[in-house]
Amino acid sequence: MMRANRFDAASQPRESFCRATSRRWENLLGARSLDKAIEVQTEYARAAYEGYVSQAIKLSRLYADLGKEAFKSYQDFAAKVTPVK
């Protein structure tokens, strides 16, 4: 699972960047006015920000799960060592 997430984390931004860049240039070159060019840039910035936030959320969940799993072994050990009254 970790290997798949690591691969996804490495390849997804690159693929997303390539797709977004090619679309952005197509739209930007097709813009007939300054207003349209600004609109294209604004859409690109919004999409890039949303992609970044999405990846950050995925990574934060991954690290939270990793922390829980790491703490679980210590918690199990403490339960075995601590006497129950």
Protein backbone atom coordinates (compact mmCIF):
# COMPACT_ATOMS: atom_id res chain seq x y z
CA MET A 1 0.00 0.00 0.00
CA MET A 2 2.77 2.44 0.86
CA ARG A 3 4.51 1.71 -2.44
CA ALA A 4 1.32 2.40 -4.40
CA ASN A 5 0.74 5.67 -2.54
CA ARG A 6 4.35 6.68 -3.06
CA PHE A 7 4.06 6.00 -6.79
CA ASP A 8 0.77 7.88 -6.97
CA ALA A 9 2.22 10.82 -5.05
CA ALA A 10 5.16 11.00 -7.45
CA SER A 11 3.36 10.52 -10.76
CA GLN A 12 0.08 12.35 -10.23
CA PRO A 13 1.48 15.90 -9.99
CA ARG A 14 3.63 15.40 -13.09
CA GLU A 15 0.69 14.11 -15.16
CA SER A 16 -1.60 16.80 -13.85
CA PHE A 17 0.96 19.48 -14.63
CA CYS A 18 1.43 18.24 -18.21
CA ARG A 19 -2.32 18.13 -18.88
CA ALA A 20 -2.99 21.50 -17.30
CA THR A 21 -0.07 23.17 -19.04
CA SER A 22 -1.03 21.96 -22.49
CA ARG A 23 -4.68 22.97 -21.99
CA ARG A 24 -3.64 26.32 -20.56
CA TRP A 25 -1.45 27.13 -23.54
CA GLU A 26 -4.16 26.06 -25.98
CA ASN A 27 -6.70 28.27 -24.23
CA LEU A 28 -4.27 31.15 -23.80
CA LEU A 29 -3.25 31.12 -27.45
CA GLY A 30 -6.92 30.99 -28.43
CA ALA A 31 -7.79 34.03 -26.31
CA ARG A 32 -8.90 36.96 -28.47
CA SER A 33 -8.85 39.62 -25.77
CA LEU A 34 -7.01 40.59 -22.63
CA ASP A 35 -10.10 39.78 -20.55
CA LYS A 36 -10.22 36.25 -21.96
CA ALA A 37 -6.48 35.77 -21.31
CA ILE A 38 -6.93 36.90 -17.70
CA GLU A 39 -9.89 34.53 -17.34
CA VAL A 40 -7.76 31.63 -18.64
CA GLN A 41 -4.97 32.48 -16.18
CA THR A 42 -7.45 32.76 -13.31
CA GLU A 43 -8.93 29.35 -14.11
CA TYR A 44 -5.46 27.84 -14.27
CA ALA A 45 -4.51 29.35 -10.89
CA ARG A 46 -7.74 28.07 -9.33
CA ALA A 47 -7.26 24.56 -10.73
CA ALA A 48 -3.60 24.48 -9.65
CA TYR A 49 -4.54 25.57 -6.12
CA GLU A 50 -7.31 22.98 -5.87
CA GLY A 51 -4.92 20.27 -7.07
CA TYR A 52 -2.33 21.31 -4.51
CA VAL A 53 -4.87 21.29 -1.69
CA SER A 54 -6.15 17.88 -2.77
CA GLN A 55 -2.63 16.42 -2.71
CA ALA A 56 -1.89 18.04 0.65
CA ILE A 57 -5.03 16.50 2.14
CA LYS A 58 -4.11 13.06 0.77
CA LEU A 59 -0.62 13.29 2.22
CA SER A 60 -1.85 14.54 5.59
CA ARG A 61 -4.24 11.59 5.84
CA LEU A 62 -1.45 9.23 4.87
CA TYR A 63 0.84 10.59 7.58
CA ALA A 64 -1.97 10.55 10.14
CA ASP A 65 -2.61 6.88 9.40
CA LEU A 66 1.10 6.17 9.61
CA GLY A 67 1.28 7.85 13.01
CA LYS A 68 -1.70 5.87 14.27
CA GLU A 69 -0.15 2.60 13.13
CA ALA A 70 3.19 3.45 14.71
CA PHE A 71 1.56 4.43 18.01
CA LYS A 72 -0.60 1.31 18.03
CA SER A 73 2.36 -0.99 18.70
CA TYR A 74 3.43 1.13 21.69
CA GLN A 75 -0.12 1.20 22.95
CA ASP A 76 -0.35 -2.61 22.73
CA PHE A 77 2.98 -2.96 24.55
CA ALA A 78 1.87 -0.59 27.32
CA ALA A 79 -1.36 -2.53 27.74
CA LYS A 80 0.59 -5.77 28.22
CA VAL A 81 3.03 -4.26 30.72
CA THR A 82 0.55 -2.23 32.77
CA PRO A 83 -1.28 -4.28 35.39
CA VAL A 84 -5.07 -4.14 35.35
CA LYS A 85 -6.77 -3.50 38.71
